[in-house]
Amino acid sequence: AADTASCINSGGYRSLYQYDYWGQGTQ
């Protein structure tokens, strides 16, 4: 996942909603 709004978000990095782009996943 990519958080294109932040270099790092020390407070919110654990939240799904911090990230605006996602890959398709790998098993």
mmCIF file of all heavy atoms, coordinates in Angstrom:
data_MODEL
# 
_entry.id   MODEL 
# 
loop_
_atom_site.group_PDB 
_atom_site.id 
_atom_site.type_symbol 
_atom_site.label_atom_id 
_atom_site.label_alt_id 
_atom_site.label_comp_id 
_atom_site.label_asym_id 
_atom_site.label_entity_id 
_atom_site.label_seq_id 
_atom_site.pdbx_PDB_ins_code 
_atom_site.Cartn_x 
_atom_site.Cartn_y 
_atom_site.Cartn_z 
_atom_site.occupancy 
_atom_site.B_iso_or_equiv 
_atom_site.pdbx_formal_charge 
_atom_site.auth_seq_id 
_atom_site.auth_comp_id 
_atom_site.auth_asym_id 
_atom_site.auth_atom_id 
_atom_site.pdbx_PDB_model_num 
ATOM 1   N N   . ALA A 1 1  ? 0.839   -1.194  0.000  1.00 0.00 ? 1  ALA A N   1 
ATOM 2   C CA  . ALA A 1 1  ? 0.000   0.000   0.000  1.00 0.00 ? 1  ALA A CA  1 
ATOM 3   C C   . ALA A 1 1  ? 0.872   1.242   0.000  1.00 0.00 ? 1  ALA A C   1 
ATOM 4   O O   . ALA A 1 1  ? 1.979   1.228   0.542  1.00 0.00 ? 1  ALA A O   1 
ATOM 5   C CB  . ALA A 1 1  ? -0.897  0.001   1.234  1.00 0.00 ? 1  ALA A CB  1 
ATOM 6   N N   . ALA A 1 2  ? 0.351   2.293   -0.604 1.00 0.00 ? 2  ALA A N   1 
ATOM 7   C CA  . ALA A 1 2  ? 1.069   3.556   -0.687 1.00 0.00 ? 2  ALA A CA  1 
ATOM 8   C C   . ALA A 1 2  ? 0.288   4.666   0.002  1.00 0.00 ? 2  ALA A C   1 
ATOM 9   O O   . ALA A 1 2  ? -0.927  4.785   -0.194 1.00 0.00 ? 2  ALA A O   1 
ATOM 10  C CB  . ALA A 1 2  ? 1.313   3.931   -2.147 1.00 0.00 ? 2  ALA A CB  1 
ATOM 11  N N   . ASP A 1 3  ? 1.000   5.448   0.792  1.00 0.00 ? 3  ASP A N   1 
ATOM 12  C CA  . ASP A 1 3  ? 0.435   6.647   1.416  1.00 0.00 ? 3  ASP A CA  1 
ATOM 13  C C   . ASP A 1 3  ? 1.069   7.839   0.721  1.00 0.00 ? 3  ASP A C   1 
ATOM 14  O O   . ASP A 1 3  ? 2.112   8.345   1.163  1.00 0.00 ? 3  ASP A O   1 
ATOM 15  C CB  . ASP A 1 3  ? 0.743   6.640   2.909  1.00 0.00 ? 3  ASP A CB  1 
ATOM 16  C CG  . ASP A 1 3  ? 0.328   7.927   3.606  1.00 0.00 ? 3  ASP A CG  1 
ATOM 17  O OD1 . ASP A 1 3  ? -0.318  8.787   2.957  1.00 0.00 ? 3  ASP A OD1 1 
ATOM 18  O OD2 . ASP A 1 3  ? 0.672   8.085   4.787  1.00 0.00 ? 3  ASP A OD2 1 
ATOM 19  N N   . THR A 1 4  ? 0.451   8.278   -0.367 1.00 0.00 ? 4  THR A N   1 
ATOM 20  C CA  . THR A 1 4  ? 1.076   9.312   -1.188 1.00 0.00 ? 4  THR A CA  1 
ATOM 21  C C   . THR A 1 4  ? 0.997   10.700  -0.571 1.00 0.00 ? 4  THR A C   1 
ATOM 22  O O   . THR A 1 4  ? 1.594   11.641  -1.109 1.00 0.00 ? 4  THR A O   1 
ATOM 23  C CB  . THR A 1 4  ? 0.463   9.339   -2.596 1.00 0.00 ? 4  THR A CB  1 
ATOM 24  O OG1 . THR A 1 4  ? -0.921  9.645   -2.503 1.00 0.00 ? 4  THR A OG1 1 
ATOM 25  C CG2 . THR A 1 4  ? 0.661   8.014   -3.316 1.00 0.00 ? 4  THR A CG2 1 
ATOM 26  N N   . ALA A 1 5  ? 0.300   10.807  0.555  1.00 0.00 ? 5  ALA A N   1 
ATOM 27  C CA  . ALA A 1 5  ? 0.204   12.108  1.224  1.00 0.00 ? 5  ALA A CA  1 
ATOM 28  C C   . ALA A 1 5  ? 1.279   12.298  2.279  1.00 0.00 ? 5  ALA A C   1 
ATOM 29  O O   . ALA A 1 5  ? 1.424   13.406  2.821  1.00 0.00 ? 5  ALA A O   1 
ATOM 30  C CB  . ALA A 1 5  ? -1.164  12.268  1.860  1.00 0.00 ? 5  ALA A CB  1 
ATOM 31  N N   . SER A 1 6  ? 2.055   11.261  2.574  1.00 0.00 ? 6  SER A N   1 
ATOM 32  C CA  . SER A 1 6  ? 2.978   11.339  3.699  1.00 0.00 ? 6  SER A CA  1 
ATOM 33  C C   . SER A 1 6  ? 4.308   10.681  3.390  1.00 0.00 ? 6  SER A C   1 
ATOM 34  O O   . SER A 1 6  ? 4.347   9.634   2.754  1.00 0.00 ? 6  SER A O   1 
ATOM 35  C CB  . SER A 1 6  ? 2.397   10.627  4.925  1.00 0.00 ? 6  SER A CB  1 
ATOM 36  O OG  . SER A 1 6  ? 1.133   11.119  5.276  1.00 0.00 ? 6  SER A OG  1 
ATOM 37  N N   . CYS A 1 7  ? 5.361   11.288  3.914  1.00 0.00 ? 7  CYS A N   1 
ATOM 38  C CA  . CYS A 1 7  ? 6.659   10.582  3.910  1.00 0.00 ? 7  CYS A CA  1 
ATOM 39  C C   . CYS A 1 7  ? 6.610   9.478   4.965  1.00 0.00 ? 7  CYS A C   1 
ATOM 40  O O   . CYS A 1 7  ? 7.151   8.402   4.757  1.00 0.00 ? 7  CYS A O   1 
ATOM 41  C CB  . CYS A 1 7  ? 7.779   11.576  4.186  1.00 0.00 ? 7  CYS A CB  1 
ATOM 42  S SG  . CYS A 1 7  ? 9.401   10.831  4.234  1.00 0.00 ? 7  CYS A SG  1 
ATOM 43  N N   . ILE A 1 8  ? 5.985   9.776   6.097  1.00 0.00 ? 8  ILE A N   1 
ATOM 44  C CA  . ILE A 1 8  ? 5.680   8.770   7.112  1.00 0.00 ? 8  ILE A CA  1 
ATOM 45  C C   . ILE A 1 8  ? 4.652   9.405   8.035  1.00 0.00 ? 8  ILE A C   1 
ATOM 46  O O   . ILE A 1 8  ? 4.715   10.605  8.322  1.00 0.00 ? 8  ILE A O   1 
ATOM 47  C CB  . ILE A 1 8  ? 6.924   8.314   7.909  1.00 0.00 ? 8  ILE A CB  1 
ATOM 48  C CG1 . ILE A 1 8  ? 6.594   7.118   8.792  1.00 0.00 ? 8  ILE A CG1 1 
ATOM 49  C CG2 . ILE A 1 8  ? 7.479   9.474   8.732  1.00 0.00 ? 8  ILE A CG2 1 
ATOM 50  C CD1 . ILE A 1 8  ? 6.420   5.831   8.084  1.00 0.00 ? 8  ILE A CD1 1 
ATOM 51  N N   . ASN A 1 9  ? 3.691   8.656   8.467  1.00 0.00 ? 9  ASN A N   1 
ATOM 52  C CA  . ASN A 1 9  ? 2.696   9.147   9.403  1.00 0.00 ? 9  ASN A CA  1 
ATOM 53  C C   . ASN A 1 9  ? 2.870   8.387   10.708 1.00 0.00 ? 9  ASN A C   1 
ATOM 54  O O   . ASN A 1 9  ? 2.419   7.258   10.850 1.00 0.00 ? 9  ASN A O   1 
ATOM 55  C CB  . ASN A 1 9  ? 1.290   8.941   8.850  1.00 0.00 ? 9  ASN A CB  1 
ATOM 56  C CG  . ASN A 1 9  ? 0.228   9.562   9.758  1.00 0.00 ? 9  ASN A CG  1 
ATOM 57  O OD1 . ASN A 1 9  ? 0.297   9.452   10.973 1.00 0.00 ? 9  ASN A OD1 1 
ATOM 58  N ND2 . ASN A 1 9  ? -0.743  10.216  9.149  1.00 0.00 ? 9  ASN A ND2 1 
ATOM 59  N N   . SER A 1 10 ? 3.554   9.003   11.624 1.00 0.00 ? 10 SER A N   1 
ATOM 60  C CA  . SER A 1 10 ? 3.912   8.318   12.860 1.00 0.00 ? 10 SER A CA  1 
ATOM 61  C C   . SER A 1 10 ? 2.692   7.930   13.679 1.00 0.00 ? 10 SER A C   1 
ATOM 62  O O   . SER A 1 10 ? 2.751   6.995   14.464 1.00 0.00 ? 10 SER A O   1 
ATOM 63  C CB  . SER A 1 10 ? 4.837   9.204   13.696 1.00 0.00 ? 10 SER A CB  1 
ATOM 64  O OG  . SER A 1 10 ? 6.014   9.469   12.994 1.00 0.00 ? 10 SER A OG  1 
ATOM 65  N N   . GLY A 1 11 ? 1.588   8.652   13.489 1.00 0.00 ? 11 GLY A N   1 
ATOM 66  C CA  . GLY A 1 11 ? 0.420   8.359   14.295 1.00 0.00 ? 11 GLY A CA  1 
ATOM 67  C C   . GLY A 1 11 ? -0.575  7.438   13.634 1.00 0.00 ? 11 GLY A C   1 
ATOM 68  O O   . GLY A 1 11 ? -1.320  6.743   14.312 1.00 0.00 ? 11 GLY A O   1 
ATOM 69  N N   . GLY A 1 12 ? -0.579  7.402   12.306 1.00 0.00 ? 12 GLY A N   1 
ATOM 70  C CA  . GLY A 1 12 ? -1.660  6.689   11.644 1.00 0.00 ? 12 GLY A CA  1 
ATOM 71  C C   . GLY A 1 12 ? -1.255  5.555   10.742 1.00 0.00 ? 12 GLY A C   1 
ATOM 72  O O   . GLY A 1 12 ? -2.085  5.022   10.010 1.00 0.00 ? 12 GLY A O   1 
ATOM 73  N N   . TYR A 1 13 ? 0.004   5.139   10.813 1.00 0.00 ? 13 TYR A N   1 
ATOM 74  C CA  . TYR A 1 13 ? 0.484   4.177   9.826  1.00 0.00 ? 13 TYR A CA  1 
ATOM 75  C C   . TYR A 1 13 ? -0.171  2.813   9.930  1.00 0.00 ? 13 TYR A C   1 
ATOM 76  O O   . TYR A 1 13 ? -0.092  2.022   9.005  1.00 0.00 ? 13 TYR A O   1 
ATOM 77  C CB  . TYR A 1 13 ? 2.016   4.036   9.909  1.00 0.00 ? 13 TYR A CB  1 
ATOM 78  C CG  . TYR A 1 13 ? 2.538   3.552   11.242 1.00 0.00 ? 13 TYR A CG  1 
ATOM 79  C CD1 . TYR A 1 13 ? 2.544   2.209   11.557 1.00 0.00 ? 13 TYR A CD1 1 
ATOM 80  C CD2 . TYR A 1 13 ? 3.034   4.458   12.165 1.00 0.00 ? 13 TYR A CD2 1 
ATOM 81  C CE1 . TYR A 1 13 ? 3.030   1.762   12.771 1.00 0.00 ? 13 TYR A CE1 1 
ATOM 82  C CE2 . TYR A 1 13 ? 3.535   4.027   13.387 1.00 0.00 ? 13 TYR A CE2 1 
ATOM 83  C CZ  . TYR A 1 13 ? 3.520   2.675   13.677 1.00 0.00 ? 13 TYR A CZ  1 
ATOM 84  O OH  . TYR A 1 13 ? 4.001   2.251   14.882 1.00 0.00 ? 13 TYR A OH  1 
ATOM 85  N N   . ARG A 1 14 ? -0.791  2.487   11.052 1.00 0.00 ? 14 ARG A N   1 
ATOM 86  C CA  . ARG A 1 14 ? -1.427  1.181   11.207 1.00 0.00 ? 14 ARG A CA  1 
ATOM 87  C C   . ARG A 1 14 ? -2.814  1.113   10.565 1.00 0.00 ? 14 ARG A C   1 
ATOM 88  O O   . ARG A 1 14 ? -3.381  0.032   10.412 1.00 0.00 ? 14 ARG A O   1 
ATOM 89  C CB  . ARG A 1 14 ? -1.562  0.825   12.689 1.00 0.00 ? 14 ARG A CB  1 
ATOM 90  C CG  . ARG A 1 14 ? -0.230  0.595   13.380 1.00 0.00 ? 14 ARG A CG  1 
ATOM 91  C CD  . ARG A 1 14 ? -0.426  0.237   14.839 1.00 0.00 ? 14 ARG A CD  1 
ATOM 92  N NE  . ARG A 1 14 ? 0.855   0.003   15.505 1.00 0.00 ? 14 ARG A NE  1 
ATOM 93  C CZ  . ARG A 1 14 ? 1.474   -1.160  15.517 1.00 0.00 ? 14 ARG A CZ  1 
ATOM 94  N NH1 . ARG A 1 14 ? 0.930   -2.194  14.918 1.00 0.00 ? 14 ARG A NH1 1 
ATOM 95  N NH2 . ARG A 1 14 ? 2.630   -1.288  16.139 1.00 0.00 ? 14 ARG A NH2 1 
ATOM 96  N N   . SER A 1 15 ? -3.356  2.243   10.210 1.00 0.00 ? 15 SER A N   1 
ATOM 97  C CA  . SER A 1 15 ? -4.733  2.290   9.714  1.00 0.00 ? 15 SER A CA  1 
ATOM 98  C C   . SER A 1 15 ? -4.798  2.076   8.207  1.00 0.00 ? 15 SER A C   1 
ATOM 99  O O   . SER A 1 15 ? -4.032  2.678   7.451  1.00 0.00 ? 15 SER A O   1 
ATOM 100 C CB  . SER A 1 15 ? -5.359  3.644   10.038 1.00 0.00 ? 15 SER A CB  1 
ATOM 101 O OG  . SER A 1 15 ? -6.618  3.777   9.390  1.00 0.00 ? 15 SER A OG  1 
ATOM 102 N N   . LEU A 1 16 ? -5.736  1.240   7.800  1.00 0.00 ? 16 LEU A N   1 
ATOM 103 C CA  . LEU A 1 16 ? -5.989  1.030   6.366  1.00 0.00 ? 16 LEU A CA  1 
ATOM 104 C C   . LEU A 1 16 ? -6.268  2.349   5.660  1.00 0.00 ? 16 LEU A C   1 
ATOM 105 O O   . LEU A 1 16 ? -5.869  2.556   4.515  1.00 0.00 ? 16 LEU A O   1 
ATOM 106 C CB  . LEU A 1 16 ? -7.203  0.132   6.178  1.00 0.00 ? 16 LEU A CB  1 
ATOM 107 C CG  . LEU A 1 16 ? -7.134  -1.317  6.627  1.00 0.00 ? 16 LEU A CG  1 
ATOM 108 C CD1 . LEU A 1 16 ? -8.523  -1.937  6.526  1.00 0.00 ? 16 LEU A CD1 1 
ATOM 109 C CD2 . LEU A 1 16 ? -6.156  -2.068  5.769  1.00 0.00 ? 16 LEU A CD2 1 
ATOM 110 N N   . TYR A 1 17 ? -6.937  3.257   6.359  1.00 0.00 ? 17 TYR A N   1 
ATOM 111 C CA  . TYR A 1 17 ? -7.447  4.470   5.729  1.00 0.00 ? 17 TYR A CA  1 
ATOM 112 C C   . TYR A 1 17 ? -6.352  5.508   5.487  1.00 0.00 ? 17 TYR A C   1 
ATOM 113 O O   . TYR A 1 17 ? -6.585  6.524   4.844  1.00 0.00 ? 17 TYR A O   1 
ATOM 114 C CB  . TYR A 1 17 ? -8.581  5.042   6.578  1.00 0.00 ? 17 TYR A CB  1 
ATOM 115 C CG  . TYR A 1 17 ? -9.671  4.027   6.786  1.00 0.00 ? 17 TYR A CG  1 
ATOM 116 C CD1 . TYR A 1 17 ? -9.809  3.363   7.998  1.00 0.00 ? 17 TYR A CD1 1 
ATOM 117 C CD2 . TYR A 1 17 ? -10.534 3.688   5.744  1.00 0.00 ? 17 TYR A CD2 1 
ATOM 118 C CE1 . TYR A 1 17 ? -10.795 2.396   8.179  1.00 0.00 ? 17 TYR A CE1 1 
ATOM 119 C CE2 . TYR A 1 17 ? -11.512 2.726   5.917  1.00 0.00 ? 17 TYR A CE2 1 
ATOM 120 C CZ  . TYR A 1 17 ? -11.632 2.086   7.129  1.00 0.00 ? 17 TYR A CZ  1 
ATOM 121 O OH  . TYR A 1 17 ? -12.594 1.131   7.297  1.00 0.00 ? 17 TYR A OH  1 
ATOM 122 N N   . GLN A 1 18 ? -5.155  5.202   6.010  1.00 0.00 ? 18 GLN A N   1 
ATOM 123 C CA  . GLN A 1 18 ? -4.022  6.092   5.773  1.00 0.00 ? 18 GLN A CA  1 
ATOM 124 C C   . GLN A 1 18 ? -3.495  5.949   4.350  1.00 0.00 ? 18 GLN A C   1 
ATOM 125 O O   . GLN A 1 18 ? -2.802  6.818   3.850  1.00 0.00 ? 18 GLN A O   1 
ATOM 126 C CB  . GLN A 1 18 ? -2.913  5.764   6.780  1.00 0.00 ? 18 GLN A CB  1 
ATOM 127 C CG  . GLN A 1 18 ? -1.730  6.697   6.751  1.00 0.00 ? 18 GLN A CG  1 
ATOM 128 C CD  . GLN A 1 18 ? -2.093  8.118   7.138  1.00 0.00 ? 18 GLN A CD  1 
ATOM 129 O OE1 . GLN A 1 18 ? -2.941  8.354   7.998  1.00 0.00 ? 18 GLN A OE1 1 
ATOM 130 N NE2 . GLN A 1 18 ? -1.462  9.092   6.508  1.00 0.00 ? 18 GLN A NE2 1 
ATOM 131 N N   . TYR A 1 19 ? -3.827  4.847   3.686  1.00 0.00 ? 19 TYR A N   1 
ATOM 132 C CA  . TYR A 1 19 ? -3.220  4.492   2.402  1.00 0.00 ? 19 TYR A CA  1 
ATOM 133 C C   . TYR A 1 19 ? -4.220  4.660   1.269  1.00 0.00 ? 19 TYR A C   1 
ATOM 134 O O   . TYR A 1 19 ? -5.363  4.218   1.369  1.00 0.00 ? 19 TYR A O   1 
ATOM 135 C CB  . TYR A 1 19 ? -2.674  3.069   2.477  1.00 0.00 ? 19 TYR A CB  1 
ATOM 136 C CG  . TYR A 1 19 ? -1.665  2.947   3.583  1.00 0.00 ? 19 TYR A CG  1 
ATOM 137 C CD1 . TYR A 1 19 ? -2.063  2.602   4.874  1.00 0.00 ? 19 TYR A CD1 1 
ATOM 138 C CD2 . TYR A 1 19 ? -0.321  3.237   3.359  1.00 0.00 ? 19 TYR A CD2 1 
ATOM 139 C CE1 . TYR A 1 19 ? -1.137  2.543   5.912  1.00 0.00 ? 19 TYR A CE1 1 
ATOM 140 C CE2 . TYR A 1 19 ? 0.598   3.169   4.390  1.00 0.00 ? 19 TYR A CE2 1 
ATOM 141 C CZ  . TYR A 1 19 ? 0.189   2.832   5.657  1.00 0.00 ? 19 TYR A CZ  1 
ATOM 142 O OH  . TYR A 1 19 ? 1.096   2.788   6.678  1.00 0.00 ? 19 TYR A OH  1 
ATOM 143 N N   . ASP A 1 20 ? -3.763  5.279   0.189  1.00 0.00 ? 20 ASP A N   1 
ATOM 144 C CA  . ASP A 1 20 ? -4.697  5.588   -0.892 1.00 0.00 ? 20 ASP A CA  1 
ATOM 145 C C   . ASP A 1 20 ? -4.526  4.726   -2.136 1.00 0.00 ? 20 ASP A C   1 
ATOM 146 O O   . ASP A 1 20 ? -5.357  4.793   -3.045 1.00 0.00 ? 20 ASP A O   1 
ATOM 147 C CB  . ASP A 1 20 ? -4.620  7.075   -1.257 1.00 0.00 ? 20 ASP A CB  1 
ATOM 148 C CG  . ASP A 1 20 ? -3.213  7.610   -1.409 1.00 0.00 ? 20 ASP A CG  1 
ATOM 149 O OD1 . ASP A 1 20 ? -2.247  6.890   -1.083 1.00 0.00 ? 20 ASP A OD1 1 
ATOM 150 O OD2 . ASP A 1 20 ? -3.061  8.759   -1.850 1.00 0.00 ? 20 ASP A OD2 1 
ATOM 151 N N   . TYR A 1 21 ? -3.486  3.928   -2.172 1.00 0.00 ? 21 TYR A N   1 
ATOM 152 C CA  . TYR A 1 21 ? -3.327  2.995   -3.295 1.00 0.00 ? 21 TYR A CA  1 
ATOM 153 C C   . TYR A 1 21 ? -2.930  1.625   -2.758 1.00 0.00 ? 21 TYR A C   1 
ATOM 154 O O   . TYR A 1 21 ? -2.136  1.532   -1.805 1.00 0.00 ? 21 TYR A O   1 
ATOM 155 C CB  . TYR A 1 21 ? -2.268  3.497   -4.285 1.00 0.00 ? 21 TYR A CB  1 
ATOM 156 C CG  . TYR A 1 21 ? -2.689  4.743   -5.012 1.00 0.00 ? 21 TYR A CG  1 
ATOM 157 C CD1 . TYR A 1 21 ? -2.278  5.992   -4.560 1.00 0.00 ? 21 TYR A CD1 1 
ATOM 158 C CD2 . TYR A 1 21 ? -3.510  4.676   -6.133 1.00 0.00 ? 21 TYR A CD2 1 
ATOM 159 C CE1 . TYR A 1 21 ? -2.677  7.147   -5.212 1.00 0.00 ? 21 TYR A CE1 1 
ATOM 160 C CE2 . TYR A 1 21 ? -3.906  5.831   -6.792 1.00 0.00 ? 21 TYR A CE2 1 
ATOM 161 C CZ  . TYR A 1 21 ? -3.488  7.057   -6.323 1.00 0.00 ? 21 TYR A CZ  1 
ATOM 162 O OH  . TYR A 1 21 ? -3.885  8.203   -6.976 1.00 0.00 ? 21 TYR A OH  1 
ATOM 163 N N   . TRP A 1 22 ? -3.470  0.601   -3.409 1.00 0.00 ? 22 TRP A N   1 
ATOM 164 C CA  . TRP A 1 22 ? -3.254  -0.783  -2.976 1.00 0.00 ? 22 TRP A CA  1 
ATOM 165 C C   . TRP A 1 22 ? -2.932  -1.663  -4.172 1.00 0.00 ? 22 TRP A C   1 
ATOM 166 O O   . TRP A 1 22 ? -3.431  -1.443  -5.286 1.00 0.00 ? 22 TRP A O   1 
ATOM 167 C CB  . TRP A 1 22 ? -4.515  -1.328  -2.303 1.00 0.00 ? 22 TRP A CB  1 
ATOM 168 C CG  . TRP A 1 22 ? -4.820  -0.655  -1.016 1.00 0.00 ? 22 TRP A CG  1 
ATOM 169 C CD1 . TRP A 1 22 ? -5.477  0.525   -0.832 1.00 0.00 ? 22 TRP A CD1 1 
ATOM 170 C CD2 . TRP A 1 22 ? -4.464  -1.117  0.286  1.00 0.00 ? 22 TRP A CD2 1 
ATOM 171 N NE1 . TRP A 1 22 ? -5.549  0.834   0.508  1.00 0.00 ? 22 TRP A NE1 1 
ATOM 172 C CE2 . TRP A 1 22 ? -4.941  -0.168  1.217  1.00 0.00 ? 22 TRP A CE2 1 
ATOM 173 C CE3 . TRP A 1 22 ? -3.793  -2.238  0.763  1.00 0.00 ? 22 TRP A CE3 1 
ATOM 174 C CZ2 . TRP A 1 22 ? -4.754  -0.312  2.593  1.00 0.00 ? 22 TRP A CZ2 1 
ATOM 175 C CZ3 . TRP A 1 22 ? -3.614  -2.385  2.125  1.00 0.00 ? 22 TRP A CZ3 1 
ATOM 176 C CH2 . TRP A 1 22 ? -4.088  -1.432  3.031  1.00 0.00 ? 22 TRP A CH2 1 
ATOM 177 N N   . GLY A 1 23 ? -2.106  -2.668  -3.919 1.00 0.00 ? 23 GLY A N   1 
ATOM 178 C CA  . GLY A 1 23 ? -1.876  -3.683  -4.914 1.00 0.00 ? 23 GLY A CA  1 
ATOM 179 C C   . GLY A 1 23 ? -2.962  -4.737  -4.880 1.00 0.00 ? 23 GLY A C   1 
ATOM 180 O O   . GLY A 1 23 ? -3.879  -4.688  -4.051 1.00 0.00 ? 23 GLY A O   1 
ATOM 181 N N   . GLN A 1 24 ? -2.832  -5.714  -5.749 1.00 0.00 ? 24 GLN A N   1 
ATOM 182 C CA  . GLN A 1 24 ? -3.858  -6.757  -5.869 1.00 0.00 ? 24 GLN A CA  1 
ATOM 183 C C   . GLN A 1 24 ? -3.648  -7.898  -4.877 1.00 0.00 ? 24 GLN A C   1 
ATOM 184 O O   . GLN A 1 24 ? -4.546  -8.714  -4.677 1.00 0.00 ? 24 GLN A O   1 
ATOM 185 C CB  . GLN A 1 24 ? -3.878  -7.312  -7.300 1.00 0.00 ? 24 GLN A CB  1 
ATOM 186 C CG  . GLN A 1 24 ? -2.814  -8.346  -7.625 1.00 0.00 ? 24 GLN A CG  1 
ATOM 187 C CD  . GLN A 1 24 ? -1.423  -7.748  -7.753 1.00 0.00 ? 24 GLN A CD  1 
ATOM 188 O OE1 . GLN A 1 24 ? -1.230  -6.537  -7.790 1.00 0.00 ? 24 GLN A OE1 1 
ATOM 189 N NE2 . GLN A 1 24 ? -0.427  -8.626  -7.851 1.00 0.00 ? 24 GLN A NE2 1 
ATOM 190 N N   . GLY A 1 25 ? -2.486  -7.941  -4.268 1.00 0.00 ? 25 GLY A N   1 
ATOM 191 C CA  . GLY A 1 25 ? -2.202  -8.958  -3.274 1.00 0.00 ? 25 GLY A CA  1 
ATOM 192 C C   . GLY A 1 25 ? -1.461  -10.153 -3.840 1.00 0.00 ? 25 GLY A C   1 
ATOM 193 O O   . GLY A 1 25 ? -1.577  -10.487 -5.013 1.00 0.00 ? 25 GLY A O   1 
ATOM 194 N N   . THR A 1 26 ? -0.693  -10.795 -2.975 1.00 0.00 ? 26 THR A N   1 
ATOM 195 C CA  . THR A 1 26 ? 0.014   -12.019 -3.332 1.00 0.00 ? 26 THR A CA  1 
ATOM 196 C C   . THR A 1 26 ? -0.139  -13.004 -2.180 1.00 0.00 ? 26 THR A C   1 
ATOM 197 O O   . THR A 1 26 ? -0.005  -12.634 -1.009 1.00 0.00 ? 26 THR A O   1 
ATOM 198 C CB  . THR A 1 26 ? 1.498   -11.738 -3.655 1.00 0.00 ? 26 THR A CB  1 
ATOM 199 O OG1 . THR A 1 26 ? 2.123   -12.934 -4.122 1.00 0.00 ? 26 THR A OG1 1 
ATOM 200 C CG2 . THR A 1 26 ? 2.271   -11.207 -2.457 1.00 0.00 ? 26 THR A CG2 1 
ATOM 201 N N   . GLN A 1 27 ? -0.427  -14.246 -2.515 1.00 0.00 ? 27 GLN A N   1 
ATOM 202 C CA  . GLN A 1 27 ? -0.720  -15.264 -1.499 1.00 0.00 ? 27 GLN A CA  1 
ATOM 203 C C   . GLN A 1 27 ? 0.575   -15.825 -0.917 1.00 0.00 ? 27 GLN A C   1 
ATOM 204 O O   . GLN A 1 27 ? 1.485   -16.227 -1.662 1.00 0.00 ? 27 GLN A O   1 
ATOM 205 C CB  . GLN A 1 27 ? -1.534  -16.399 -2.107 1.00 0.00 ? 27 GLN A CB  1 
ATOM 206 C CG  . GLN A 1 27 ? -1.822  -17.555 -1.163 1.00 0.00 ? 27 GLN A CG  1 
ATOM 207 C CD  . GLN A 1 27 ? -2.805  -17.189 -0.069 1.00 0.00 ? 27 GLN A CD  1 
ATOM 208 O OE1 . GLN A 1 27 ? -3.847  -16.583 -0.334 1.00 0.00 ? 27 GLN A OE1 1 
ATOM 209 N NE2 . GLN A 1 27 ? -2.487  -17.553 1.169  1.00 0.00 ? 27 GLN A NE2 1 
# 
